[in-house]
Structures are given as C-alpha cells and as structure tokens.
Amino acid sequence: MWAFEHWNVMPDIMCVAKAMATGIPIGATIAKSEIMDSLKVGEHTTTFGGNPIACA
C-alpha cells in the first residue's frame, strides 16, 4: 500500500490524508513513539480538526 514498503524501509514520520476518508477532509501524522512522546501538550494541533463525520 505504501511506497516505503516496496523499498523495505521504515519512515520515522508519515503525513497522510485524503485516501483515509474517501474524500472527506481528514489528515494524520503517524510517527514513532519516541518522536510523538517528545511533543508537549498543544504543540501538535489543527485549526479545523475533529470533523465528526471524518472521525466516525
């Protein structure tokens, strides 16, 4: 499914969107736990996040 799988590598961070919700606006950042754990509360936020249909 992902290009990195073809090349047998593992990314530290991935930004994904669109295909996750078949056209409904949504996106996500996927990262290794040591990277995500380094973020403080409020450092990773969105302006229009939390669309209930996209998050269902």
C-alpha atoms as a PDB file:
ATOM      1  CA  MET A   1       0.000   0.000   0.000  1.00  0.00           C
ATOM      2  CA  TRP A   2       2.805   2.465   0.831  1.00  0.00           C
ATOM      3  CA  ALA A   3       5.850   3.172  -1.350  1.00  0.00           C
ATOM      4  CA  PHE A   4       8.228   2.639   1.583  1.00  0.00           C
ATOM      5  CA  GLU A   5       7.078  -0.990   1.812  1.00  0.00           C
ATOM      6  CA  HIS A   6       8.361  -1.632  -1.713  1.00  0.00           C
ATOM      7  CA  TRP A   7      11.830  -0.395  -0.753  1.00  0.00           C
ATOM      8  CA  ASN A   8      11.871  -2.184   2.629  1.00  0.00           C
ATOM      9  CA  VAL A   9      12.470   0.957   4.693  1.00  0.00           C
ATOM     10  CA  MET A  10      10.659   2.293   7.748  1.00  0.00           C
ATOM     11  CA  PRO A  11       9.957   6.041   7.939  1.00  0.00           C
ATOM     12  CA  ASP A  12      10.242   7.980  11.191  1.00  0.00           C
ATOM     13  CA  ILE A  13       7.257  10.209  10.299  1.00  0.00           C
ATOM     14  CA  MET A  14       4.407   9.880   7.780  1.00  0.00           C
ATOM     15  CA  CYS A  15       1.818  12.503   6.864  1.00  0.00           C
ATOM     16  CA  VAL A  16      -1.339  11.005   5.373  1.00  0.00           C
ATOM     17  CA  ALA A  17      -4.668  12.420   4.198  1.00  0.00           C
ATOM     18  CA  LYS A  18      -7.418  12.207   1.552  1.00  0.00           C
ATOM     19  CA  ALA A  19      -7.436   8.444   0.927  1.00  0.00           C
ATOM     20  CA  MET A  20      -8.063   7.821   4.628  1.00  0.00           C
ATOM     21  CA  ALA A  21     -11.633   9.092   4.419  1.00  0.00           C
ATOM     22  CA  THR A  22     -12.651   8.704   0.763  1.00  0.00           C
ATOM     23  CA  GLY A  23     -12.923  12.409   0.074  1.00  0.00           C
ATOM     24  CA  ILE A  24     -13.973  13.710   3.479  1.00  0.00           C
ATOM     25  CA  PRO A  25     -11.346  16.198   4.743  1.00  0.00           C
ATOM     26  CA  ILE A  26      -9.055  14.480   7.233  1.00  0.00           C
ATOM     27  CA  GLY A  27      -5.349  14.007   7.751  1.00  0.00           C
ATOM     28  CA  ALA A  28      -2.998  12.388  10.221  1.00  0.00           C
ATOM     29  CA  THR A  29       0.613  12.402  11.291  1.00  0.00           C
ATOM     30  CA  ILE A  30       1.985   8.973  12.127  1.00  0.00           C
ATOM     31  CA  ALA A  31       5.350   8.839  13.894  1.00  0.00           C
ATOM     32  CA  LYS A  32       7.484   6.597  16.032  1.00  0.00           C
ATOM     33  CA  SER A  33       6.550   6.786  19.704  1.00  0.00           C
ATOM     34  CA  GLU A  34       9.829   8.437  20.737  1.00  0.00           C
ATOM     35  CA  ILE A  35       9.068  11.316  18.343  1.00  0.00           C
ATOM     36  CA  MET A  36       5.431  11.706  19.404  1.00  0.00           C
ATOM     37  CA  ASP A  37       6.379  11.453  23.093  1.00  0.00           C
ATOM     38  CA  SER A  38       8.743  14.422  22.664  1.00  0.00           C
ATOM     39  CA  LEU A  39       5.827  16.744  21.770  1.00  0.00           C
ATOM     40  CA  LYS A  40       4.369  18.798  24.580  1.00  0.00           C
ATOM     41  CA  VAL A  41       0.615  19.271  25.025  1.00  0.00           C
ATOM     42  CA  GLY A  42      -0.649  21.757  22.454  1.00  0.00           C
ATOM     43  CA  GLU A  43       2.378  21.545  20.141  1.00  0.00           C
ATOM     44  CA  HIS A  44       0.554  19.404  17.605  1.00  0.00           C
ATOM     45  CA  THR A  45      -2.875  20.868  16.913  1.00  0.00           C
ATOM     46  CA  THR A  46      -5.134  21.686  13.984  1.00  0.00           C
ATOM     47  CA  THR A  47      -7.358  24.592  13.081  1.00  0.00           C
ATOM     48  CA  PHE A  48     -10.277  22.610  11.664  1.00  0.00           C
ATOM     49  CA  GLY A  49      -9.718  19.258  13.387  1.00  0.00           C
ATOM     50  CA  GLY A  50     -12.345  16.947  14.790  1.00  0.00           C
ATOM     51  CA  ASN A  51     -14.847  16.730  11.928  1.00  0.00           C
ATOM     52  CA  PRO A  52     -17.350  14.208  13.386  1.00  0.00           C
ATOM     53  CA  ILE A  53     -18.096  12.553  10.035  1.00  0.00           C
ATOM     54  CA  ALA A  54     -14.410  12.153   9.181  1.00  0.00           C
ATOM     55  CA  CYS A  55     -13.627  10.776  12.640  1.00  0.00           C
ATOM     56  CA  ALA A  56     -16.516   8.280  12.711  1.00  0.00           C
END
